Amino acid sequence: MNKNLATDLKILEKYYDIVRVIDPLATSLSFPAILSNAPDNSQYYHFGSRGQSCKECICLQAIHTKETFVKTEMHEGKLFMITAMPLEMDRRTVALELIKCINKTIVESFLPTTEKNTNIYCSAAKFNDLVFKDALTQIYNRRYIDKQLLVEIVEAQQSNLPLSVVMTDIDYFKTINDQYGHSVGDEVLKCFATQLQNNIRQNSGDWLARYGGEEFLLVLTNCPEQQAYKISEKLRKIIEHTIFNTTAGNLHITASFGVYTSSGQESELYQLVDKVDKNLYQAKQVGRNCTVSDN
């Protein structure tokens, strides 16, 4: 290891509880820490560690985008601030991870006055919701997709489990906006998101996000294509038979679905999204209110 790097890390250890250089893409069963001052590495899992993974691995994002990321996280009743930044080492990009326990006094110093009398952890949760939740539908937003889908791709590849992605789009949504106004369109979007969210697989790690406009992305973990197709068809029929109560009266809508199951070769977000988007486009072309997959 570079002597200058070793010196820098020693300095950082004075200001952070844990300073470590890790490779979250490590495939061995050993903990992928290259260097760490943590007293017990086992309590901080990353990819390749005992079959478990960090579900929001900002180290992976830092390596992928060559940018620095910061997040807050609860662990054993304590609030931590975690910083991850890319670092070139031995001709490969790894991550420098800095972890600091944030006590109430420190956090209150940068919280708004109106928040200082509330529970500190609720404040952190509200902050994360503002960052990763869509304000209208209250499901995950595009920022969450960009952050989390890459994690799901890598985890699926390392665990050799199928990962399916579904993209759905409300049919003729522009007509709804044009005929009834955008406020009614917003009501339809909220109801549509609620129906999808309430009918995805529970306790399976699946998640739903608003991709943009009237398009939504559903990520199905450990789900082969045939099962993903059945789930999409179930959702499509639920939407088709749902009465959408709006200020303009009861409306009936339909939606189209595209399904794609990762081949394990996709290493970029756009590769996976582009393929599922093409299947959604095909569903629109063949008449809407249907589901299209590769098979």
C-alpha atoms as a PDB file:
ATOM      1  CA  MET A   1       0.000   0.000   0.000  1.00  0.00           C
ATOM      2  CA  ASN A   2       1.121   3.536  -0.782  1.00  0.00           C
ATOM      3  CA  LYS A   3       2.895   5.147   2.204  1.00  0.00           C
ATOM      4  CA  ASN A   4       1.107   8.437   1.666  1.00  0.00           C
ATOM      5  CA  LEU A   5      -2.236   6.641   1.723  1.00  0.00           C
ATOM      6  CA  ALA A   6      -1.324   4.881   4.963  1.00  0.00           C
ATOM      7  CA  THR A   7      -0.446   8.227   6.522  1.00  0.00           C
ATOM      8  CA  ASP A   8      -3.707   9.802   5.330  1.00  0.00           C
ATOM      9  CA  LEU A   9      -5.732   6.939   6.763  1.00  0.00           C
ATOM     10  CA  LYS A  10      -4.029   7.297  10.134  1.00  0.00           C
ATOM     11  CA  ILE A  11      -5.024  10.953  10.188  1.00  0.00           C
ATOM     12  CA  LEU A  12      -8.623  10.136   9.250  1.00  0.00           C
ATOM     13  CA  GLU A  13      -8.822   7.625  12.103  1.00  0.00           C
ATOM     14  CA  LYS A  14      -8.627  10.562  14.519  1.00  0.00           C
ATOM     15  CA  TYR A  15     -11.910  11.941  13.191  1.00  0.00           C
ATOM     16  CA  TYR A  16     -13.933   8.843  12.293  1.00  0.00           C
ATOM     17  CA  ASP A  17     -14.989   5.771  14.255  1.00  0.00           C
ATOM     18  CA  ILE A  18     -14.197   3.478  11.352  1.00  0.00           C
ATOM     19  CA  VAL A  19     -11.907   4.120   8.383  1.00  0.00           C
ATOM     20  CA  ARG A  20     -11.494   1.362   5.828  1.00  0.00           C
ATOM     21  CA  VAL A  21     -10.689   0.659   2.229  1.00  0.00           C
ATOM     22  CA  ILE A  22     -12.965  -2.024   0.843  1.00  0.00           C
ATOM     23  CA  ASP A  23     -13.830  -3.763  -2.391  1.00  0.00           C
ATOM     24  CA  PRO A  24     -17.614  -4.384  -2.370  1.00  0.00           C
ATOM     25  CA  LEU A  25     -17.264  -6.397  -5.585  1.00  0.00           C
ATOM     26  CA  ALA A  26     -15.144  -9.041  -3.856  1.00  0.00           C
ATOM     27  CA  THR A  27     -16.493 -12.493  -4.579  1.00  0.00           C
ATOM     28  CA  SER A  28     -14.645 -14.451  -1.932  1.00  0.00           C
ATOM     29  CA  LEU A  29     -16.388 -15.472   1.285  1.00  0.00           C
ATOM     30  CA  SER A  30     -13.940 -13.430   3.313  1.00  0.00           C
ATOM     31  CA  PHE A  31     -14.787  -9.902   4.327  1.00  0.00           C
ATOM     32  CA  PRO A  32     -13.753  -7.657   1.438  1.00  0.00           C
ATOM     33  CA  ALA A  33     -11.941  -5.113   3.585  1.00  0.00           C
ATOM     34  CA  ILE A  34      -8.480  -4.297   2.311  1.00  0.00           C
ATOM     35  CA  LEU A  35      -7.687  -2.136   5.296  1.00  0.00           C
ATOM     36  CA  SER A  36      -9.842  -1.395   8.318  1.00  0.00           C
ATOM     37  CA  ASN A  37      -9.512  -0.128  11.856  1.00  0.00           C
ATOM     38  CA  ALA A  38     -12.933  -1.570  12.811  1.00  0.00           C
ATOM     39  CA  PRO A  39     -12.722  -3.715  15.974  1.00  0.00           C
ATOM     40  CA  ASP A  40     -15.180  -6.229  14.513  1.00  0.00           C
ATOM     41  CA  ASN A  41     -15.596  -6.254  10.747  1.00  0.00           C
ATOM     42  CA  SER A  42     -18.371  -8.843  10.933  1.00  0.00           C
ATOM     43  CA  GLN A  43     -20.932  -6.280  12.061  1.00  0.00           C
ATOM     44  CA  TYR A  44     -20.608  -4.309   8.800  1.00  0.00           C
ATOM     45  CA  TYR A  45     -21.517  -6.517   5.856  1.00  0.00           C
ATOM     46  CA  HIS A  46     -20.811  -5.869   2.209  1.00  0.00           C
ATOM     47  CA  PHE A  47     -20.925  -7.972  -0.942  1.00  0.00           C
ATOM     48  CA  GLY A  48     -19.084 -11.269  -0.650  1.00  0.00           C
ATOM     49  CA  SER A  49     -19.393 -11.422   3.134  1.00  0.00           C
ATOM     50  CA  ARG A  50     -21.048 -14.556   4.503  1.00  0.00           C
ATOM     51  CA  GLY A  51     -23.759 -14.493   1.892  1.00  0.00           C
ATOM     52  CA  GLN A  52     -25.125 -11.184   3.161  1.00  0.00           C
ATOM     53  CA  SER A  53     -25.036  -7.788   1.561  1.00  0.00           C
ATOM     54  CA  CYS A  54     -25.468  -4.125   2.297  1.00  0.00           C
ATOM     55  CA  LYS A  55     -28.783  -3.261   0.604  1.00  0.00           C
ATOM     56  CA  GLU A  56     -27.822   0.353   0.021  1.00  0.00           C
ATOM     57  CA  CYS A  57     -24.151   0.069  -0.797  1.00  0.00           C
ATOM     58  CA  ILE A  58     -22.902   3.582  -1.487  1.00  0.00           C
ATOM     59  CA  CYS A  59     -19.390   2.140  -1.837  1.00  0.00           C
ATOM     60  CA  LEU A  60     -20.566   0.348  -4.963  1.00  0.00           C
ATOM     61  CA  GLN A  61     -22.065   3.590  -6.259  1.00  0.00           C
ATOM     62  CA  ALA A  62     -18.855   5.489  -5.527  1.00  0.00           C
ATOM     63  CA  ILE A  63     -16.823   2.969  -7.507  1.00  0.00           C
ATOM     64  CA  HIS A  64     -19.306   2.890 -10.374  1.00  0.00           C
ATOM     65  CA  THR A  65     -19.761   6.641 -10.789  1.00  0.00           C
ATOM     66  CA  LYS A  66     -16.343   7.814  -9.528  1.00  0.00           C
ATOM     67  CA  GLU A  67     -18.165  10.197  -7.187  1.00  0.00           C
ATOM     68  CA  THR A  68     -18.485  10.587  -3.400  1.00  0.00           C
ATOM     69  CA  PHE A  69     -21.708   9.567  -1.629  1.00  0.00           C
ATOM     70  CA  VAL A  70     -22.988  10.184   1.896  1.00  0.00           C
ATOM     71  CA  LYS A  71     -25.879   8.538   3.752  1.00  0.00           C
ATOM     72  CA  THR A  72     -27.209   8.102   7.282  1.00  0.00           C
ATOM     73  CA  GLU A  73     -28.007   4.671   8.690  1.00  0.00           C
ATOM     74  CA  MET A  74     -29.334   3.155  11.922  1.00  0.00           C
ATOM     75  CA  HIS A  75     -27.326   0.344  13.528  1.00  0.00           C
ATOM     76  CA  GLU A  76     -28.111  -1.166  16.942  1.00  0.00           C
ATOM     77  CA  GLY A  77     -30.016   1.937  18.011  1.00  0.00           C
ATOM     78  CA  LYS A  78     -27.332   4.394  16.936  1.00  0.00           C
ATOM     79  CA  LEU A  79     -27.279   6.801  14.030  1.00  0.00           C
ATOM     80  CA  PHE A  80     -24.233   6.742  11.754  1.00  0.00           C
ATOM     81  CA  MET A  81     -23.083   8.989   8.930  1.00  0.00           C
ATOM     82  CA  ILE A  82     -21.328   6.987   6.209  1.00  0.00           C
ATOM     83  CA  THR A  83     -19.188   8.516   3.491  1.00  0.00           C
ATOM     84  CA  ALA A  84     -17.896   6.546   0.501  1.00  0.00           C
ATOM     85  CA  MET A  85     -15.440   7.834  -2.073  1.00  0.00           C
ATOM     86  CA  PRO A  86     -13.632   6.150  -4.992  1.00  0.00           C
ATOM     87  CA  LEU A  87      -9.975   5.315  -4.570  1.00  0.00           C
ATOM     88  CA  GLU A  88      -7.507   3.955  -7.117  1.00  0.00           C
ATOM     89  CA  MET A  89      -5.399   1.134  -5.707  1.00  0.00           C
ATOM     90  CA  ASP A  90      -3.321  -1.490  -7.483  1.00  0.00           C
ATOM     91  CA  ARG A  91      -4.834  -0.573 -10.873  1.00  0.00           C
ATOM     92  CA  ARG A  92      -8.404  -1.036  -9.726  1.00  0.00           C
ATOM     93  CA  THR A  93     -11.013   1.216  -8.165  1.00  0.00           C
ATOM     94  CA  VAL A  94     -11.954   0.468  -4.573  1.00  0.00           C
ATOM     95  CA  ALA A  95     -13.815   2.515  -1.979  1.00  0.00           C
ATOM     96  CA  LEU A  96     -12.666   4.526   0.992  1.00  0.00           C
ATOM     97  CA  GLU A  97     -15.415   4.281   3.597  1.00  0.00           C
ATOM     98  CA  LEU A  98     -15.638   6.639   6.574  1.00  0.00           C
ATOM     99  CA  ILE A  99     -18.116   5.889   9.366  1.00  0.00           C
ATOM    100  CA  LYS A 100     -18.981   8.283  12.179  1.00  0.00           C
ATOM    101  CA  CYS A 101     -21.517   7.809  14.963  1.00  0.00           C
ATOM    102  CA  ILE A 102     -23.635  10.966  15.098  1.00  0.00           C
ATOM    103  CA  ASN A 103     -24.870  11.843  18.578  1.00  0.00           C
ATOM    104  CA  LYS A 104     -27.902  14.015  19.231  1.00  0.00           C
ATOM    105  CA  THR A 105     -25.893  17.177  19.914  1.00  0.00           C
ATOM    106  CA  ILE A 106     -24.035  16.977  16.604  1.00  0.00           C
ATOM    107  CA  VAL A 107     -27.152  16.340  14.529  1.00  0.00           C
ATOM    108  CA  GLU A 108     -29.244  18.980  16.266  1.00  0.00           C
ATOM    109  CA  SER A 109     -26.651  21.568  15.255  1.00  0.00           C
ATOM    110  CA  PHE A 110     -27.677  21.212  11.609  1.00  0.00           C
ATOM    111  CA  LEU A 111     -31.351  20.317  12.002  1.00  0.00           C
ATOM    112  CA  PRO A 112     -33.954  23.078  11.481  1.00  0.00           C
ATOM    113  CA  THR A 113     -35.209  24.671  14.688  1.00  0.00           C
ATOM    114  CA  THR A 114     -38.664  23.155  14.226  1.00  0.00           C
ATOM    115  CA  GLU A 115     -37.122  19.695  14.215  1.00  0.00           C
ATOM    116  CA  LYS A 116     -35.034  20.002  17.362  1.00  0.00           C
ATOM    117  CA  ASN A 117     -37.840  18.909  19.665  1.00  0.00           C
ATOM    118  CA  THR A 118     -38.611  15.772  17.665  1.00  0.00           C
ATOM    119  CA  ASN A 119     -37.063  12.342  17.903  1.00  0.00           C
ATOM    120  CA  ILE A 120     -33.652  12.459  16.238  1.00  0.00           C
ATOM    121  CA  TYR A 121     -34.157   9.219  14.341  1.00  0.00           C
ATOM    122  CA  CYS A 122     -37.517  10.322  12.959  1.00  0.00           C
ATOM    123  CA  SER A 123     -35.798  13.406  11.604  1.00  0.00           C
ATOM    124  CA  ALA A 124     -33.216  11.264   9.831  1.00  0.00           C
ATOM    125  CA  ALA A 125     -35.972   9.073   8.396  1.00  0.00           C
ATOM    126  CA  LYS A 126     -37.836  12.124   7.114  1.00  0.00           C
ATOM    127  CA  PHE A 127     -34.671  13.362   5.445  1.00  0.00           C
ATOM    128  CA  ASN A 128     -34.143  10.040   3.667  1.00  0.00           C
ATOM    129  CA  ASP A 129     -37.781  10.060   2.535  1.00  0.00           C
ATOM    130  CA  LEU A 130     -37.346  13.507   1.028  1.00  0.00           C
ATOM    131  CA  VAL A 131     -34.355  12.246  -0.910  1.00  0.00           C
ATOM    132  CA  PHE A 132     -35.660   8.883  -2.125  1.00  0.00           C
ATOM    133  CA  LYS A 133     -39.472   9.131  -2.138  1.00  0.00           C
ATOM    134  CA  ASP A 134     -41.652  10.577  -4.882  1.00  0.00           C
ATOM    135  CA  ALA A 135     -43.583  13.504  -3.386  1.00  0.00           C
ATOM    136  CA  LEU A 136     -46.831  12.700  -5.229  1.00  0.00           C
ATOM    137  CA  THR A 137     -47.133   8.918  -4.959  1.00  0.00           C
ATOM    138  CA  GLN A 138     -45.000   8.347  -1.839  1.00  0.00           C
ATOM    139  CA  ILE A 139     -43.180   5.430  -3.433  1.00  0.00           C
ATOM    140  CA  TYR A 140     -39.503   5.400  -4.411  1.00  0.00           C
ATOM    141  CA  ASN A 141     -38.325   7.883  -7.011  1.00  0.00           C
ATOM    142  CA  ARG A 142     -35.873   7.927  -9.935  1.00  0.00           C
ATOM    143  CA  ARG A 143     -33.003   8.794  -7.595  1.00  0.00           C
ATOM    144  CA  TYR A 144     -33.663   5.565  -5.679  1.00  0.00           C
ATOM    145  CA  ILE A 145     -33.706   3.577  -8.923  1.00  0.00           C
ATOM    146  CA  ASP A 146     -30.314   4.991  -9.915  1.00  0.00           C
ATOM    147  CA  LYS A 147     -28.951   4.121  -6.484  1.00  0.00           C
ATOM    148  CA  GLN A 148     -30.523   0.751  -5.738  1.00  0.00           C
ATOM    149  CA  LEU A 149     -30.929  -1.038  -9.066  1.00  0.00           C
ATOM    150  CA  LEU A 150     -27.171  -1.281  -9.534  1.00  0.00           C
ATOM    151  CA  VAL A 151     -26.951  -2.926  -6.106  1.00  0.00           C
ATOM    152  CA  GLU A 152     -29.638  -5.447  -7.096  1.00  0.00           C
ATOM    153  CA  ILE A 153     -27.828  -6.261 -10.360  1.00  0.00           C
ATOM    154  CA  VAL A 154     -24.541  -7.002  -8.611  1.00  0.00           C
ATOM    155  CA  GLU A 155     -26.197  -8.992  -5.841  1.00  0.00           C
ATOM    156  CA  ALA A 156     -28.125 -11.113  -8.355  1.00  0.00           C
ATOM    157  CA  GLN A 157     -24.939 -11.827 -10.294  1.00  0.00           C
ATOM    158  CA  GLN A 158     -23.002 -12.802  -7.175  1.00  0.00           C
ATOM    159  CA  SER A 159     -25.784 -14.956  -5.743  1.00  0.00           C
ATOM    160  CA  ASN A 160     -26.618 -16.444  -9.165  1.00  0.00           C
ATOM    161  CA  LEU A 161     -30.323 -15.716  -8.603  1.00  0.00           C
ATOM    162  CA  PRO A 162     -32.732 -14.345 -11.223  1.00  0.00           C
ATOM    163  CA  LEU A 163     -33.553 -10.646 -11.173  1.00  0.00           C
ATOM    164  CA  SER A 164     -36.601  -9.466 -13.093  1.00  0.00           C
ATOM    165  CA  VAL A 165     -37.584  -5.900 -13.864  1.00  0.00           C
ATOM    166  CA  VAL A 166     -41.056  -4.761 -14.891  1.00  0.00           C
ATOM    167  CA  MET A 167     -41.848  -1.391 -16.452  1.00  0.00           C
ATOM    168  CA  THR A 168     -45.465  -0.304 -16.617  1.00  0.00           C
ATOM    169  CA  ASP A 169     -47.133   2.712 -18.190  1.00  0.00           C
ATOM    170  CA  ILE A 170     -50.704   3.998 -17.877  1.00  0.00           C
ATOM    171  CA  ASP A 171     -52.446   3.743 -21.246  1.00  0.00           C
ATOM    172  CA  TYR A 172     -53.617   7.015 -22.817  1.00  0.00           C
ATOM    173  CA  PHE A 173     -52.591   9.005 -19.741  1.00  0.00           C
ATOM    174  CA  LYS A 174     -52.221  12.197 -21.801  1.00  0.00           C
ATOM    175  CA  THR A 175     -55.903  11.936 -22.683  1.00  0.00           C
ATOM    176  CA  ILE A 176     -56.778  11.869 -18.979  1.00  0.00           C
ATOM    177  CA  ASN A 177     -54.770  15.041 -18.390  1.00  0.00           C
ATOM    178  CA  ASP A 178     -56.216  16.756 -21.448  1.00  0.00           C
ATOM    179  CA  GLN A 179     -59.826  15.832 -20.693  1.00  0.00           C
ATOM    180  CA  TYR A 180     -59.949  16.165 -16.903  1.00  0.00           C
ATOM    181  CA  GLY A 181     -56.925  18.275 -15.996  1.00  0.00           C
ATOM    182  CA  HIS A 182     -53.596  17.550 -14.364  1.00  0.00           C
ATOM    183  CA  SER A 183     -55.013  17.461 -10.835  1.00  0.00           C
ATOM    184  CA  VAL A 184     -57.201  14.509 -11.793  1.00  0.00           C
ATOM    185  CA  GLY A 185     -54.192  12.984 -13.537  1.00  0.00           C
ATOM    186  CA  ASP A 186     -52.317  13.253 -10.239  1.00  0.00           C
ATOM    187  CA  GLU A 187     -55.181  11.470  -8.468  1.00  0.00           C
ATOM    188  CA  VAL A 188     -54.971   8.656 -11.004  1.00  0.00           C
ATOM    189  CA  LEU A 189     -51.197   8.384 -10.561  1.00  0.00           C
ATOM    190  CA  LYS A 190     -51.533   8.135  -6.779  1.00  0.00           C
ATOM    191  CA  CYS A 191     -54.235   5.474  -6.990  1.00  0.00           C
ATOM    192  CA  PHE A 192     -52.290   3.563  -9.628  1.00  0.00           C
ATOM    193  CA  ALA A 193     -49.143   3.557  -7.472  1.00  0.00           C
ATOM    194  CA  THR A 194     -51.157   2.430  -4.430  1.00  0.00           C
ATOM    195  CA  GLN A 195     -52.682  -0.501  -6.311  1.00  0.00           C
ATOM    196  CA  LEU A 196     -49.279  -1.641  -7.533  1.00  0.00           C
ATOM    197  CA  GLN A 197     -47.629  -1.209  -4.135  1.00  0.00           C
ATOM    198  CA  ASN A 198     -50.386  -3.113  -2.319  1.00  0.00           C
ATOM    199  CA  ASN A 199     -50.219  -6.069  -4.682  1.00  0.00           C
ATOM    200  CA  ILE A 200     -46.509  -6.764  -5.148  1.00  0.00           C
ATOM    201  CA  ARG A 201     -44.919  -9.674  -3.317  1.00  0.00           C
ATOM    202  CA  GLN A 202     -44.576  -8.908   0.364  1.00  0.00           C
ATOM    203  CA  ASN A 203     -41.436  -9.825   2.324  1.00  0.00           C
ATOM    204  CA  SER A 204     -39.557 -10.771  -0.848  1.00  0.00           C
ATOM    205  CA  GLY A 205     -37.348  -7.737  -1.231  1.00  0.00           C
ATOM    206  CA  ASP A 206     -39.395  -6.438  -4.180  1.00  0.00           C
ATOM    207  CA  TRP A 207     -39.764  -2.698  -4.579  1.00  0.00           C
ATOM    208  CA  LEU A 208     -41.631  -0.208  -6.723  1.00  0.00           C
ATOM    209  CA  ALA A 209     -40.510   3.209  -7.932  1.00  0.00           C
ATOM    210  CA  ARG A 210     -41.820   5.968 -10.165  1.00  0.00           C
ATOM    211  CA  TYR A 211     -39.526   6.092 -13.168  1.00  0.00           C
ATOM    212  CA  GLY A 212     -40.979   9.298 -14.536  1.00  0.00           C
ATOM    213  CA  GLY A 213     -44.340  10.700 -15.603  1.00  0.00           C
ATOM    214  CA  GLU A 214     -46.790   7.798 -15.795  1.00  0.00           C
ATOM    215  CA  GLU A 215     -44.045   5.138 -15.970  1.00  0.00           C
ATOM    216  CA  PHE A 216     -43.260   2.930 -12.981  1.00  0.00           C
ATOM    217  CA  LEU A 217     -40.513   0.372 -12.411  1.00  0.00           C
ATOM    218  CA  LEU A 218     -41.000  -2.797 -10.378  1.00  0.00           C
ATOM    219  CA  VAL A 219     -37.924  -4.779  -9.307  1.00  0.00           C
ATOM    220  CA  LEU A 220     -38.526  -8.457  -8.482  1.00  0.00           C
ATOM    221  CA  THR A 221     -35.646 -10.147  -6.673  1.00  0.00           C
ATOM    222  CA  ASN A 222     -35.040 -13.890  -7.014  1.00  0.00           C
ATOM    223  CA  CYS A 223     -37.805 -14.023  -9.613  1.00  0.00           C
ATOM    224  CA  PRO A 224     -37.510 -15.925 -12.921  1.00  0.00           C
ATOM    225  CA  GLU A 225     -39.115 -14.565 -16.068  1.00  0.00           C
ATOM    226  CA  GLN A 226     -42.173 -16.819 -16.082  1.00  0.00           C
ATOM    227  CA  GLN A 227     -43.061 -15.825 -12.538  1.00  0.00           C
ATOM    228  CA  ALA A 228     -42.407 -12.158 -13.307  1.00  0.00           C
ATOM    229  CA  TYR A 229     -44.784 -12.428 -16.258  1.00  0.00           C
ATOM    230  CA  LYS A 230     -47.506 -13.908 -14.033  1.00  0.00           C
ATOM    231  CA  ILE A 231     -47.029 -11.161 -11.459  1.00  0.00           C
ATOM    232  CA  SER A 232     -47.306  -8.522 -14.187  1.00  0.00           C
ATOM    233  CA  GLU A 233     -50.450 -10.075 -15.586  1.00  0.00           C
ATOM    234  CA  LYS A 234     -51.972 -10.155 -12.108  1.00  0.00           C
ATOM    235  CA  LEU A 235     -51.222  -6.459 -11.662  1.00  0.00           C
ATOM    236  CA  ARG A 236     -52.530  -5.625 -15.125  1.00  0.00           C
ATOM    237  CA  LYS A 237     -55.874  -7.308 -14.407  1.00  0.00           C
ATOM    238  CA  ILE A 238     -56.144  -5.587 -11.023  1.00  0.00           C
ATOM    239  CA  ILE A 239     -55.681  -2.199 -12.686  1.00  0.00           C
ATOM    240  CA  GLU A 240     -58.154  -3.075 -15.439  1.00  0.00           C
ATOM    241  CA  HIS A 241     -60.871  -3.908 -12.889  1.00  0.00           C
ATOM    242  CA  THR A 242     -60.150  -1.127 -10.411  1.00  0.00           C
ATOM    243  CA  ILE A 243     -62.519   1.834 -10.184  1.00  0.00           C
ATOM    244  CA  PHE A 244     -60.437   4.991  -9.801  1.00  0.00           C
ATOM    245  CA  ASN A 245     -62.384   7.432  -7.638  1.00  0.00           C
ATOM    246  CA  THR A 246     -61.471  10.985  -8.657  1.00  0.00           C
ATOM    247  CA  THR A 247     -62.939  14.457  -8.333  1.00  0.00           C
ATOM    248  CA  ALA A 248     -64.045  14.076 -11.965  1.00  0.00           C
ATOM    249  CA  GLY A 249     -65.961  10.908 -11.111  1.00  0.00           C
ATOM    250  CA  ASN A 250     -65.178   7.211 -11.385  1.00  0.00           C
ATOM    251  CA  LEU A 251     -62.621   6.395 -14.064  1.00  0.00           C
ATOM    252  CA  HIS A 252     -61.454   3.141 -15.585  1.00  0.00           C
ATOM    253  CA  ILE A 253     -57.916   2.873 -16.916  1.00  0.00           C
ATOM    254  CA  THR A 254     -55.633   0.192 -18.268  1.00  0.00           C
ATOM    255  CA  ALA A 255     -51.868  -0.199 -18.244  1.00  0.00           C
ATOM    256  CA  SER A 256     -49.230  -1.907 -20.361  1.00  0.00           C
ATOM    257  CA  PHE A 257     -46.356  -3.956 -18.931  1.00  0.00           C
ATOM    258  CA  GLY A 258     -42.904  -4.892 -20.167  1.00  0.00           C
ATOM    259  CA  VAL A 259     -40.936  -7.665 -18.437  1.00  0.00           C
ATOM    260  CA  TYR A 260     -37.252  -8.455 -18.660  1.00  0.00           C
ATOM    261  CA  THR A 261     -35.182 -10.910 -16.644  1.00  0.00           C
ATOM    262  CA  SER A 262     -31.490 -10.146 -16.336  1.00  0.00           C
ATOM    263  CA  SER A 263     -29.179 -12.430 -18.273  1.00  0.00           C
ATOM    264  CA  GLY A 264     -26.417 -11.779 -15.763  1.00  0.00           C
ATOM    265  CA  GLN A 265     -24.390  -9.918 -18.374  1.00  0.00           C
ATOM    266  CA  GLU A 266     -25.726  -6.421 -17.691  1.00  0.00           C
ATOM    267  CA  SER A 267     -23.229  -4.300 -15.792  1.00  0.00           C
ATOM    268  CA  GLU A 268     -24.838  -0.918 -16.412  1.00  0.00           C
ATOM    269  CA  LEU A 269     -28.241   0.378 -15.359  1.00  0.00           C
ATOM    270  CA  TYR A 270     -29.127   1.590 -18.821  1.00  0.00           C
ATOM    271  CA  GLN A 271     -28.619  -1.898 -20.292  1.00  0.00           C
ATOM    272  CA  LEU A 272     -31.283  -3.410 -18.051  1.00  0.00           C
ATOM    273  CA  VAL A 273     -33.683  -0.472 -18.262  1.00  0.00           C
ATOM    274  CA  ASP A 274     -33.320  -0.225 -22.033  1.00  0.00           C
ATOM    275  CA  LYS A 275     -34.306  -3.875 -22.507  1.00  0.00           C
ATOM    276  CA  VAL A 276     -37.390  -3.717 -20.278  1.00  0.00           C
ATOM    277  CA  ASP A 277     -38.381  -0.411 -21.893  1.00  0.00           C
ATOM    278  CA  LYS A 278     -38.283  -2.050 -25.340  1.00  0.00           C
ATOM    279  CA  ASN A 279     -40.705  -4.740 -24.121  1.00  0.00           C
ATOM    280  CA  LEU A 280     -43.024  -2.054 -22.731  1.00  0.00           C
ATOM    281  CA  TYR A 281     -42.887  -0.262 -26.091  1.00  0.00           C
ATOM    282  CA  GLN A 282     -43.818  -3.519 -27.796  1.00  0.00           C
ATOM    283  CA  ALA A 283     -46.810  -3.898 -25.460  1.00  0.00           C
ATOM    284  CA  LYS A 284     -47.951  -0.445 -26.536  1.00  0.00           C
ATOM    285  CA  GLN A 285     -47.490  -1.293 -30.208  1.00  0.00           C
ATOM    286  CA  VAL A 286     -49.557  -4.482 -30.123  1.00  0.00           C
ATOM    287  CA  GLY A 287     -52.607  -2.785 -28.621  1.00  0.00           C
ATOM    288  CA  ARG A 288     -51.902  -1.785 -24.985  1.00  0.00           C
ATOM    289  CA  ASN A 289     -53.385  -3.376 -21.849  1.00  0.00           C
ATOM    290  CA  CYS A 290     -51.097  -6.384 -22.205  1.00  0.00           C
ATOM    291  CA  THR A 291     -47.792  -7.776 -20.957  1.00  0.00           C
ATOM    292  CA  VAL A 292     -44.760  -8.453 -23.148  1.00  0.00           C
ATOM    293  CA  SER A 293     -41.661 -10.405 -22.117  1.00  0.00           C
ATOM    294  CA  ASP A 294     -38.829 -11.927 -24.093  1.00  0.00           C
ATOM    295  CA  ASN A 295     -40.517 -15.351 -24.135  1.00  0.00           C
END
